[in-house]
Structures are given as structure tokens and as C-alpha cells.
Amino acid sequence: MILLDIIMPRMDGWTTLAGLRQDPATAQVAVIMFTCDDRFVTRERAMREGVVDFLPRPVARDKLLACVRTHLQAVANARALDAVGRTLEATVAQLDTEA
């Protein structure tokens, strides 16, 4: 998971996000974007570009921690479901060979 501000000194968050999405090693990493720019158009762009959440600054500590926990749990759930799917596929394949 990456917490990414849109407004940064050397490279903005949009450019950083594009670079993350182009690299296969980071393309699927969950990104939470935050910024003082809370306009609808900015939120819409963030969601369109695949961030998992968007938080306006200043961000309350409790809200940020809850957001991070929620998305980490979502990743853990997705991995668990993927493991179950692989187990089911292996079981079906084994049953096909036995039949």
C-alpha cells in the first residue's frame, strides 16, 4: 500500500501514480491518495486512475488508520479468496483425472 499526496515538491502525485501503474512490479499496489485539493473533479480523477481511496487534508489520524486497516484487510481477503480458488481448481483437476 502506498499513501500518496498529489502535491509534492519534485514530481506531482499524478505523475508518480502513472509511473506506479506502468511498472508491472507496482501496477497492482493499492494507493490511497490525499491532498488539500478536495474538488470533485480531483476525487473523480483519482478514482478513475485506480486509487483505492481519496482523503482530503488535513487527514485525521484515526480516519487515516481506519482507511489503511480497511484496505489492508481487503487485500488479505482477496489473497485468501485467490488461494481458495486455486485449491478448488486443483481439486477439480484431480477429480477429472480420476474419472
PDB file of N, CA and C in Angstrom:
ATOM      1  N   MET A   1       0.845  -1.171   0.000  1.00  0.00           N
ATOM      2  CA  MET A   1       0.000   0.000   0.000  1.00  0.00           C
ATOM      3  C   MET A   1       0.892   1.237   0.000  1.00  0.00           C
ATOM      4  N   ILE A   2       0.452   2.229  -0.761  1.00  0.00           N
ATOM      5  CA  ILE A   2       1.186   3.493  -0.844  1.00  0.00           C
ATOM      6  C   ILE A   2       0.233   4.631  -0.493  1.00  0.00           C
ATOM      7  N   LEU A   3       0.688   5.511   0.400  1.00  0.00           N
ATOM      8  CA  LEU A   3      -0.029   6.746   0.695  1.00  0.00           C
ATOM      9  C   LEU A   3       0.625   7.823  -0.150  1.00  0.00           C
ATOM     10  N   LEU A   4      -0.148   8.463  -0.998  1.00  0.00           N
ATOM     11  CA  LEU A   4       0.413   9.370  -1.990  1.00  0.00           C
ATOM     12  C   LEU A   4      -0.282  10.727  -1.967  1.00  0.00           C
ATOM     13  N   ASP A   5       0.498  11.780  -1.792  1.00  0.00           N
ATOM     14  CA  ASP A   5      -0.034  13.135  -1.875  1.00  0.00           C
ATOM     15  C   ASP A   5       0.022  13.578  -3.333  1.00  0.00           C
ATOM     16  N   ILE A   6      -0.917  14.371  -3.746  1.00  0.00           N
ATOM     17  CA  ILE A   6      -0.908  14.875  -5.122  1.00  0.00           C
ATOM     18  C   ILE A   6       0.132  15.974  -5.278  1.00  0.00           C
ATOM     19  N   ILE A   7       0.225  16.836  -4.273  1.00  0.00           N
ATOM     20  CA  ILE A   7       1.125  17.985  -4.364  1.00  0.00           C
ATOM     21  C   ILE A   7       2.434  17.655  -3.646  1.00  0.00           C
ATOM     22  N   MET A   8       3.484  17.468  -4.445  1.00  0.00           N
ATOM     23  CA  MET A   8       4.817  17.152  -3.913  1.00  0.00           C
ATOM     24  C   MET A   8       5.829  18.075  -4.587  1.00  0.00           C
ATOM     25  N   PRO A   9       7.005  18.252  -3.979  1.00  0.00           N
ATOM     26  CA  PRO A   9       7.954  19.239  -4.493  1.00  0.00           C
ATOM     27  C   PRO A   9       8.561  18.934  -5.862  1.00  0.00           C
ATOM     28  N   ARG A  10       8.986  17.727  -6.124  1.00  0.00           N
ATOM     29  CA  ARG A  10       9.706  17.447  -7.374  1.00  0.00           C
ATOM     30  C   ARG A  10       8.829  16.832  -8.460  1.00  0.00           C
ATOM     31  N   MET A  11       7.935  15.968  -8.062  1.00  0.00           N
ATOM     32  CA  MET A  11       7.066  15.276  -9.021  1.00  0.00           C
ATOM     33  C   MET A  11       5.678  15.208  -8.398  1.00  0.00           C
ATOM     34  N   ASP A  12       4.658  15.542  -9.159  1.00  0.00           N
ATOM     35  CA  ASP A  12       3.323  15.506  -8.562  1.00  0.00           C
ATOM     36  C   ASP A  12       2.817  14.069  -8.436  1.00  0.00           C
ATOM     37  N   GLY A  13       1.764  13.909  -7.650  1.00  0.00           N
ATOM     38  CA  GLY A  13       1.214  12.576  -7.393  1.00  0.00           C
ATOM     39  C   GLY A  13       0.658  11.897  -8.625  1.00  0.00           C
ATOM     40  N   TRP A  14       0.144  12.682  -9.573  1.00  0.00           N
ATOM     41  CA  TRP A  14      -0.397  12.094 -10.808  1.00  0.00           C
ATOM     42  C   TRP A  14       0.715  11.411 -11.603  1.00  0.00           C
ATOM     43  N   THR A  15       1.855  12.076 -11.706  1.00  0.00           N
ATOM     44  CA  THR A  15       2.990  11.504 -12.439  1.00  0.00           C
ATOM     45  C   THR A  15       3.514  10.268 -11.720  1.00  0.00           C
ATOM     46  N   THR A  16       3.579  10.360 -10.397  1.00  0.00           N
ATOM     47  CA  THR A  16       4.025   9.216  -9.597  1.00  0.00           C
ATOM     48  C   THR A  16       3.078   8.035  -9.784  1.00  0.00           C
ATOM     49  N   LEU A  17       1.778   8.296  -9.717  1.00  0.00           N
ATOM     50  CA  LEU A  17       0.774   7.246  -9.890  1.00  0.00           C
ATOM     51  C   LEU A  17       0.889   6.595 -11.267  1.00  0.00           C
ATOM     52  N   ALA A  18       1.062   7.402 -12.298  1.00  0.00           N
ATOM     53  CA  ALA A  18       1.213   6.856 -13.651  1.00  0.00           C
ATOM     54  C   ALA A  18       2.434   5.943 -13.729  1.00  0.00           C
ATOM     55  N   GLY A  19       3.525   6.358 -13.115  1.00  0.00           N
ATOM     56  CA  GLY A  19       4.730   5.523 -13.105  1.00  0.00           C
ATOM     57  C   GLY A  19       4.508   4.211 -12.364  1.00  0.00           C
ATOM     58  N   LEU A  20       3.789   4.269 -11.250  1.00  0.00           N
ATOM     59  CA  LEU A  20       3.484   3.044 -10.496  1.00  0.00           C
ATOM     60  C   LEU A  20       2.639   2.089 -11.331  1.00  0.00           C
ATOM     61  N   ARG A  21       1.659   2.626 -12.037  1.00  0.00           N
ATOM     62  CA  ARG A  21       0.760   1.786 -12.829  1.00  0.00           C
ATOM     63  C   ARG A  21       1.440   1.192 -14.062  1.00  0.00           C
ATOM     64  N   GLN A  22       2.476   1.841 -14.577  1.00  0.00           N
ATOM     65  CA  GLN A  22       3.188   1.337 -15.756  1.00  0.00           C
ATOM     66  C   GLN A  22       4.180   0.231 -15.408  1.00  0.00           C
ATOM     67  N   ASP A  23       4.637   0.178 -14.165  1.00  0.00           N
ATOM     68  CA  ASP A  23       5.624  -0.816 -13.743  1.00  0.00           C
ATOM     69  C   ASP A  23       4.894  -2.074 -13.275  1.00  0.00           C
ATOM     70  N   PRO A  24       5.130  -3.220 -13.910  1.00  0.00           N
ATOM     71  CA  PRO A  24       4.437  -4.448 -13.511  1.00  0.00           C
ATOM     72  C   PRO A  24       4.634  -4.806 -12.032  1.00  0.00           C
ATOM     73  N   ALA A  25       5.757  -4.411 -11.454  1.00  0.00           N
ATOM     74  CA  ALA A  25       6.029  -4.723 -10.047  1.00  0.00           C
ATOM     75  C   ALA A  25       5.143  -3.920  -9.091  1.00  0.00           C
ATOM     76  N   THR A  26       4.637  -2.769  -9.539  1.00  0.00           N
ATOM     77  CA  THR A  26       3.829  -1.919  -8.663  1.00  0.00           C
ATOM     78  C   THR A  26       2.441  -1.623  -9.215  1.00  0.00           C
ATOM     79  N   ALA A  27       2.113  -2.183 -10.356  1.00  0.00           N
ATOM     80  CA  ALA A  27       0.848  -1.861 -11.021  1.00  0.00           C
ATOM     81  C   ALA A  27      -0.379  -2.193 -10.168  1.00  0.00           C
ATOM     82  N   GLN A  28      -0.296  -3.215  -9.342  1.00  0.00           N
ATOM     83  CA  GLN A  28      -1.449  -3.643  -8.552  1.00  0.00           C
ATOM     84  C   GLN A  28      -1.397  -3.186  -7.097  1.00  0.00           C
ATOM     85  N   VAL A  29      -0.408  -2.381  -6.737  1.00  0.00           N
ATOM     86  CA  VAL A  29      -0.286  -1.912  -5.365  1.00  0.00           C
ATOM     87  C   VAL A  29      -1.432  -0.936  -5.065  1.00  0.00           C
ATOM     88  N   ALA A  30      -2.066  -1.121  -3.918  1.00  0.00           N
ATOM     89  CA  ALA A  30      -3.146  -0.223  -3.506  1.00  0.00           C
ATOM     90  C   ALA A  30      -2.572   1.153  -3.185  1.00  0.00           C
ATOM     91  N   VAL A  31      -3.208   2.192  -3.720  1.00  0.00           N
ATOM     92  CA  VAL A  31      -2.772   3.565  -3.482  1.00  0.00           C
ATOM     93  C   VAL A  31      -3.918   4.343  -2.837  1.00  0.00           C
ATOM     94  N   ILE A  32      -3.612   4.976  -1.710  1.00  0.00           N
ATOM     95  CA  ILE A  32      -4.533   5.911  -1.070  1.00  0.00           C
ATOM     96  C   ILE A  32      -3.965   7.293  -1.336  1.00  0.00           C
ATOM     97  N   MET A  33      -4.751   8.130  -1.979  1.00  0.00           N
ATOM     98  CA  MET A  33      -4.291   9.464  -2.341  1.00  0.00           C
ATOM     99  C   MET A  33      -4.893  10.474  -1.374  1.00  0.00           C
ATOM    100  N   PHE A  34      -4.096  11.445  -0.994  1.00  0.00           N
ATOM    101  CA  PHE A  34      -4.612  12.511  -0.152  1.00  0.00           C
ATOM    102  C   PHE A  34      -4.040  13.842  -0.618  1.00  0.00           C
ATOM    103  N   THR A  35      -4.797  14.906  -0.389  1.00  0.00           N
ATOM    104  CA  THR A  35      -4.387  16.227  -0.844  1.00  0.00           C
ATOM    105  C   THR A  35      -5.277  17.286  -0.237  1.00  0.00           C
ATOM    106  N   CYS A  36      -4.823  18.506  -0.306  1.00  0.00           N
ATOM    107  CA  CYS A  36      -5.666  19.622   0.145  1.00  0.00           C
ATOM    108  C   CYS A  36      -6.639  20.035  -0.961  1.00  0.00           C
ATOM    109  N   ASP A  37      -6.493  19.484  -2.162  1.00  0.00           N
ATOM    110  CA  ASP A  37      -7.396  19.765  -3.286  1.00  0.00           C
ATOM    111  C   ASP A  37      -8.570  18.793  -3.214  1.00  0.00           C
ATOM    112  N   ASP A  38      -9.647  19.231  -2.598  1.00  0.00           N
ATOM    113  CA  ASP A  38     -10.795  18.355  -2.359  1.00  0.00           C
ATOM    114  C   ASP A  38     -11.924  18.587  -3.363  1.00  0.00           C
ATOM    115  N   ARG A  39     -11.605  19.082  -4.544  1.00  0.00           N
ATOM    116  CA  ARG A  39     -12.641  19.303  -5.548  1.00  0.00           C
ATOM    117  C   ARG A  39     -13.149  17.961  -6.097  1.00  0.00           C
ATOM    118  N   PHE A  40     -14.400  17.961  -6.513  1.00  0.00           N
ATOM    119  CA  PHE A  40     -14.997  16.746  -7.070  1.00  0.00           C
ATOM    120  C   PHE A  40     -14.198  16.222  -8.250  1.00  0.00           C
ATOM    121  N   VAL A  41     -13.755  17.108  -9.121  1.00  0.00           N
ATOM    122  CA  VAL A  41     -13.018  16.699 -10.319  1.00  0.00           C
ATOM    123  C   VAL A  41     -11.713  15.990  -9.937  1.00  0.00           C
ATOM    124  N   THR A  42     -11.094  16.410  -8.862  1.00  0.00           N
ATOM    125  CA  THR A  42      -9.853  15.771  -8.406  1.00  0.00           C
ATOM    126  C   THR A  42     -10.152  14.383  -7.850  1.00  0.00           C
ATOM    127  N   ARG A  43     -11.197  14.289  -7.040  1.00  0.00           N
ATOM    128  CA  ARG A  43     -11.609  12.980  -6.498  1.00  0.00           C
ATOM    129  C   ARG A  43     -11.971  12.019  -7.635  1.00  0.00           C
ATOM    130  N   GLU A  44     -12.726  12.521  -8.594  1.00  0.00           N
ATOM    131  CA  GLU A  44     -13.158  11.702  -9.727  1.00  0.00           C
ATOM    132  C   GLU A  44     -11.949  11.181 -10.509  1.00  0.00           C
ATOM    133  N   ARG A  45     -10.984  12.047 -10.761  1.00  0.00           N
ATOM    134  CA  ARG A  45      -9.782  11.629 -11.488  1.00  0.00           C
ATOM    135  C   ARG A  45      -9.023  10.559 -10.711  1.00  0.00           C
ATOM    136  N   ALA A  46      -8.898  10.748  -9.404  1.00  0.00           N
ATOM    137  CA  ALA A  46      -8.185   9.780  -8.576  1.00  0.00           C
ATOM    138  C   ALA A  46      -8.841   8.400  -8.674  1.00  0.00           C
ATOM    139  N   MET A  47     -10.146   8.358  -8.572  1.00  0.00           N
ATOM    140  CA  MET A  47     -10.855   7.079  -8.652  1.00  0.00           C
ATOM    141  C   MET A  47     -10.749   6.472 -10.050  1.00  0.00           C
ATOM    142  N   ARG A  48     -10.834   7.317 -11.065  1.00  0.00           N
ATOM    143  CA  ARG A  48     -10.717   6.847 -12.443  1.00  0.00           C
ATOM    144  C   ARG A  48      -9.335   6.251 -12.702  1.00  0.00           C
ATOM    145  N   GLU A  49      -8.327   6.804 -12.046  1.00  0.00           N
ATOM    146  CA  GLU A  49      -6.962   6.319 -12.244  1.00  0.00           C
ATOM    147  C   GLU A  49      -6.591   5.179 -11.311  1.00  0.00           C
ATOM    148  N   GLY A  50      -7.577   4.684 -10.558  1.00  0.00           N
ATOM    149  CA  GLY A  50      -7.389   3.443  -9.827  1.00  0.00           C
ATOM    150  C   GLY A  50      -6.931   3.526  -8.392  1.00  0.00           C
ATOM    151  N   VAL A  51      -7.030   4.691  -7.747  1.00  0.00           N
ATOM    152  CA  VAL A  51      -6.688   4.716  -6.331  1.00  0.00           C
ATOM    153  C   VAL A  51      -7.812   4.040  -5.547  1.00  0.00           C
ATOM    154  N   VAL A  52      -7.465   3.442  -4.419  1.00  0.00           N
ATOM    155  CA  VAL A  52      -8.483   2.725  -3.648  1.00  0.00           C
ATOM    156  C   VAL A  52      -9.259   3.650  -2.721  1.00  0.00           C
ATOM    157  N   ASP A  53      -8.668   4.803  -2.414  1.00  0.00           N
ATOM    158  CA  ASP A  53      -9.373   5.768  -1.574  1.00  0.00           C
ATOM    159  C   ASP A  53      -8.758   7.146  -1.758  1.00  0.00           C
ATOM    160  N   PHE A  54      -9.528   8.150  -1.384  1.00  0.00           N
ATOM    161  CA  PHE A  54      -9.100   9.538  -1.532  1.00  0.00           C
ATOM    162  C   PHE A  54      -9.476  10.260  -0.248  1.00  0.00           C
ATOM    163  N   LEU A  55      -8.486  10.865   0.397  1.00  0.00           N
ATOM    164  CA  LEU A  55      -8.734  11.560   1.655  1.00  0.00           C
ATOM    165  C   LEU A  55      -8.319  13.024   1.546  1.00  0.00           C
ATOM    166  N   PRO A  56      -9.211  13.940   1.894  1.00  0.00           N
ATOM    167  CA  PRO A  56      -8.834  15.355   1.893  1.00  0.00           C
ATOM    168  C   PRO A  56      -7.948  15.672   3.098  1.00  0.00           C
ATOM    169  N   ARG A  57      -6.997  16.586   2.904  1.00  0.00           N
ATOM    170  CA  ARG A  57      -6.139  17.018   4.001  1.00  0.00           C
ATOM    171  C   ARG A  57      -6.721  18.268   4.630  1.00  0.00           C
ATOM    172  N   PRO A  58      -6.501  18.474   5.891  1.00  0.00           N
ATOM    173  CA  PRO A  58      -5.735  17.602   6.780  1.00  0.00           C
ATOM    174  C   PRO A  58      -6.520  16.328   7.100  1.00  0.00           C
ATOM    175  N   VAL A  59      -5.802  15.236   7.209  1.00  0.00           N
ATOM    176  CA  VAL A  59      -6.407  13.931   7.475  1.00  0.00           C
ATOM    177  C   VAL A  59      -6.304  13.652   8.970  1.00  0.00           C
ATOM    178  N   ALA A  60      -7.432  13.347   9.583  1.00  0.00           N
ATOM    179  CA  ALA A  60      -7.427  12.958  10.987  1.00  0.00           C
ATOM    180  C   ALA A  60      -6.722  11.612  11.121  1.00  0.00           C
ATOM    181  N   ARG A  61      -5.879  11.483  12.113  1.00  0.00           N
ATOM    182  CA  ARG A  61      -5.094  10.254  12.334  1.00  0.00           C
ATOM    183  C   ARG A  61      -5.997   9.021  12.383  1.00  0.00           C
ATOM    184  N   ASP A  62      -7.080   9.093  13.150  1.00  0.00           N
ATOM    185  CA  ASP A  62      -7.981   7.942  13.285  1.00  0.00           C
ATOM    186  C   ASP A  62      -8.608   7.549  11.955  1.00  0.00           C
ATOM    187  N   LYS A  63      -8.973   8.544  11.165  1.00  0.00           N
ATOM    188  CA  LYS A  63      -9.585   8.261   9.858  1.00  0.00           C
ATOM    189  C   LYS A  63      -8.564   7.609   8.924  1.00  0.00           C
ATOM    190  N   LEU A  64      -7.332   8.111   8.927  1.00  0.00           N
ATOM    191  CA  LEU A  64      -6.285   7.527   8.086  1.00  0.00           C
ATOM    192  C   LEU A  64      -6.007   6.087   8.498  1.00  0.00           C
ATOM    193  N   LEU A  65      -5.884   5.845   9.799  1.00  0.00           N
ATOM    194  CA  LEU A  65      -5.620   4.479  10.272  1.00  0.00           C
ATOM    195  C   LEU A  65      -6.771   3.537   9.913  1.00  0.00           C
ATOM    196  N   ALA A  66      -7.996   3.997  10.050  1.00  0.00           N
ATOM    197  CA  ALA A  66      -9.153   3.169   9.692  1.00  0.00           C
ATOM    198  C   ALA A  66      -9.147   2.850   8.201  1.00  0.00           C
ATOM    199  N   CYS A  67      -8.817   3.832   7.391  1.00  0.00           N
ATOM    200  CA  CYS A  67      -8.757   3.643   5.943  1.00  0.00           C
ATOM    201  C   CYS A  67      -7.676   2.618   5.579  1.00  0.00           C
ATOM    202  N   VAL A  68      -6.510   2.761   6.162  1.00  0.00           N
ATOM    203  CA  VAL A  68      -5.411   1.826   5.894  1.00  0.00           C
ATOM    204  C   VAL A  68      -5.798   0.414   6.332  1.00  0.00           C
ATOM    205  N   ARG A  69      -6.357   0.283   7.528  1.00  0.00           N
ATOM    206  CA  ARG A  69      -6.783  -1.046   8.010  1.00  0.00           C
ATOM    207  C   ARG A  69      -7.810  -1.679   7.065  1.00  0.00           C
ATOM    208  N   THR A  70      -8.775  -0.894   6.631  1.00  0.00           N
ATOM    209  CA  THR A  70      -9.822  -1.394   5.741  1.00  0.00           C
ATOM    210  C   THR A  70      -9.224  -1.943   4.449  1.00  0.00           C
ATOM    211  N   HIS A  71      -8.315  -1.185   3.858  1.00  0.00           N
ATOM    212  CA  HIS A  71      -7.758  -1.611   2.573  1.00  0.00           C
ATOM    213  C   HIS A  71      -6.757  -2.750   2.727  1.00  0.00           C
ATOM    214  N   LEU A  72      -6.024  -2.791   3.839  1.00  0.00           N
ATOM    215  CA  LEU A  72      -5.150  -3.937   4.087  1.00  0.00           C
ATOM    216  C   LEU A  72      -5.979  -5.208   4.282  1.00  0.00           C
ATOM    217  N   GLN A  73      -7.118  -5.092   4.967  1.00  0.00           N
ATOM    218  CA  GLN A  73      -7.996  -6.250   5.139  1.00  0.00           C
ATOM    219  C   GLN A  73      -8.579  -6.688   3.802  1.00  0.00           C
ATOM    220  N   ALA A  74      -8.911  -5.740   2.946  1.00  0.00           N
ATOM    221  CA  ALA A  74      -9.431  -6.085   1.615  1.00  0.00           C
ATOM    222  C   ALA A  74      -8.390  -6.857   0.813  1.00  0.00           C
ATOM    223  N   VAL A  75      -7.134  -6.440   0.895  1.00  0.00           N
ATOM    224  CA  VAL A  75      -6.056  -7.152   0.195  1.00  0.00           C
ATOM    225  C   VAL A  75      -5.906  -8.559   0.762  1.00  0.00           C
ATOM    226  N   ALA A  76      -5.937  -8.675   2.088  1.00  0.00           N
ATOM    227  CA  ALA A  76      -5.820 -10.002   2.718  1.00  0.00           C
ATOM    228  C   ALA A  76      -6.982 -10.902   2.299  1.00  0.00           C
ATOM    229  N   ASN A  77      -8.191 -10.345   2.248  1.00  0.00           N
ATOM    230  CA  ASN A  77      -9.360 -11.122   1.825  1.00  0.00           C
ATOM    231  C   ASN A  77      -9.232 -11.578   0.375  1.00  0.00           C
ATOM    232  N   ALA A  78      -8.756 -10.703  -0.488  1.00  0.00           N
ATOM    233  CA  ALA A  78      -8.580 -11.061  -1.897  1.00  0.00           C
ATOM    234  C   ALA A  78      -7.565 -12.183  -2.049  1.00  0.00           C
ATOM    235  N   ARG A  79      -6.476 -12.110  -1.292  1.00  0.00           N
ATOM    236  CA  ARG A  79      -5.461 -13.173  -1.354  1.00  0.00           C
ATOM    237  C   ARG A  79      -6.020 -14.498  -0.850  1.00  0.00           C
ATOM    238  N   ALA A  80      -6.803 -14.442   0.221  1.00  0.00           N
ATOM    239  CA  ALA A  80      -7.399 -15.665   0.760  1.00  0.00           C
ATOM    240  C   ALA A  80      -8.362 -16.281  -0.252  1.00  0.00           C
ATOM    241  N   LEU A  81      -9.176 -15.456  -0.900  1.00  0.00           N
ATOM    242  CA  LEU A  81     -10.100 -15.965  -1.917  1.00  0.00           C
ATOM    243  C   LEU A  81      -9.347 -16.556  -3.107  1.00  0.00           C
ATOM    244  N   ASP A  82      -8.253 -15.932  -3.480  1.00  0.00           N
ATOM    245  CA  ASP A  82      -7.431 -16.443  -4.573  1.00  0.00           C
ATOM    246  C   ASP A  82      -6.872 -17.820  -4.212  1.00  0.00           C
ATOM    247  N   ALA A  83      -6.436 -17.990  -2.968  1.00  0.00           N
ATOM    248  CA  ALA A  83      -5.907 -19.276  -2.519  1.00  0.00           C
ATOM    249  C   ALA A  83      -7.001 -20.348  -2.537  1.00  0.00           C
ATOM    250  N   VAL A  84      -8.197 -19.997  -2.111  1.00  0.00           N
ATOM    251  CA  VAL A  84      -9.324 -20.937  -2.142  1.00  0.00           C
ATOM    252  C   VAL A  84      -9.638 -21.325  -3.581  1.00  0.00           C
ATOM    253  N   GLY A  85      -9.626 -20.353  -4.480  1.00  0.00           N
ATOM    254  CA  GLY A  85      -9.885 -20.630  -5.899  1.00  0.00           C
ATOM    255  C   GLY A  85      -8.858 -21.583  -6.479  1.00  0.00           C
ATOM    256  N   ARG A  86      -7.583 -21.387  -6.157  1.00  0.00           N
ATOM    257  CA  ARG A  86      -6.538 -22.290  -6.654  1.00  0.00           C
ATOM    258  C   ARG A  86      -6.723 -23.701  -6.098  1.00  0.00           C
ATOM    259  N   THR A  87      -7.120 -23.804  -4.830  1.00  0.00           N
ATOM    260  CA  THR A  87      -7.365 -25.117  -4.221  1.00  0.00           C
ATOM    261  C   THR A  87      -8.528 -25.815  -4.909  1.00  0.00           C
ATOM    262  N   LEU A  88      -9.594 -25.075  -5.169  1.00  0.00           N
ATOM    263  CA  LEU A  88     -10.746 -25.666  -5.860  1.00  0.00           C
ATOM    264  C   LEU A  88     -10.388 -26.115  -7.274  1.00  0.00           C
ATOM    265  N   GLU A  89      -9.626 -25.306  -7.985  1.00  0.00           N
ATOM    266  CA  GLU A  89      -9.205 -25.686  -9.332  1.00  0.00           C
ATOM    267  C   GLU A  89      -8.359 -26.957  -9.307  1.00  0.00           C
ATOM    268  N   ALA A  90      -7.464 -27.063  -8.331  1.00  0.00           N
ATOM    269  CA  ALA A  90      -6.627 -28.257  -8.220  1.00  0.00           C
ATOM    270  C   ALA A  90      -7.474 -29.486  -7.892  1.00  0.00           C
ATOM    271  N   THR A  91      -8.475 -29.304  -7.037  1.00  0.00           N
ATOM    272  CA  THR A  91      -9.361 -30.418  -6.677  1.00  0.00           C
ATOM    273  C   THR A  91     -10.160 -30.884  -7.890  1.00  0.00           C
ATOM    274  N   VAL A  92     -10.695 -29.947  -8.651  1.00  0.00           N
ATOM    275  CA  VAL A  92     -11.459 -30.292  -9.848  1.00  0.00           C
ATOM    276  C   VAL A  92     -10.558 -30.997 -10.859  1.00  0.00           C
ATOM    277  N   ALA A  93      -9.359 -30.484 -11.039  1.00  0.00           N
ATOM    278  CA  ALA A  93      -8.415 -31.117 -11.974  1.00  0.00           C
ATOM    279  C   ALA A  93      -8.096 -32.532 -11.541  1.00  0.00           C
ATOM    280  N   GLN A  94      -7.923 -32.753 -10.246  1.00  0.00           N
ATOM    281  CA  GLN A  94      -7.639 -34.090  -9.744  1.00  0.00           C
ATOM    282  C   GLN A  94      -8.837 -35.023  -9.952  1.00  0.00           C
ATOM    283  N   LEU A  95     -10.031 -34.522  -9.715  1.00  0.00           N
ATOM    284  CA  LEU A  95     -11.241 -35.327  -9.935  1.00  0.00           C
ATOM    285  C   LEU A  95     -11.401 -35.675 -11.410  1.00  0.00           C
ATOM    286  N   ASP A  96     -11.039 -34.761 -12.308  1.00  0.00           N
ATOM    287  CA  ASP A  96     -11.119 -35.022 -13.746  1.00  0.00           C
ATOM    288  C   ASP A  96     -10.161 -36.132 -14.148  1.00  0.00           C
ATOM    289  N   THR A  97      -8.987 -36.175 -13.555  1.00  0.00           N
ATOM    290  CA  THR A  97      -8.014 -37.210 -13.922  1.00  0.00           C
ATOM    291  C   THR A  97      -8.399 -38.568 -13.344  1.00  0.00           C
ATOM    292  N   GLU A  98      -9.128 -38.569 -12.218  1.00  0.00           N
ATOM    293  CA  GLU A  98      -9.567 -39.813 -11.601  1.00  0.00           C
ATOM    294  C   GLU A  98     -10.782 -40.412 -12.294  1.00  0.00           C
ATOM    295  N   ALA A  99     -11.519 -39.583 -13.004  1.00  0.00           N
ATOM    296  CA  ALA A  99     -12.768 -40.051 -13.616  1.00  0.00           C
ATOM    297  C   ALA A  99     -12.540 -40.788 -14.904  1.00  0.00           C
TER     298      ALA A  99
END
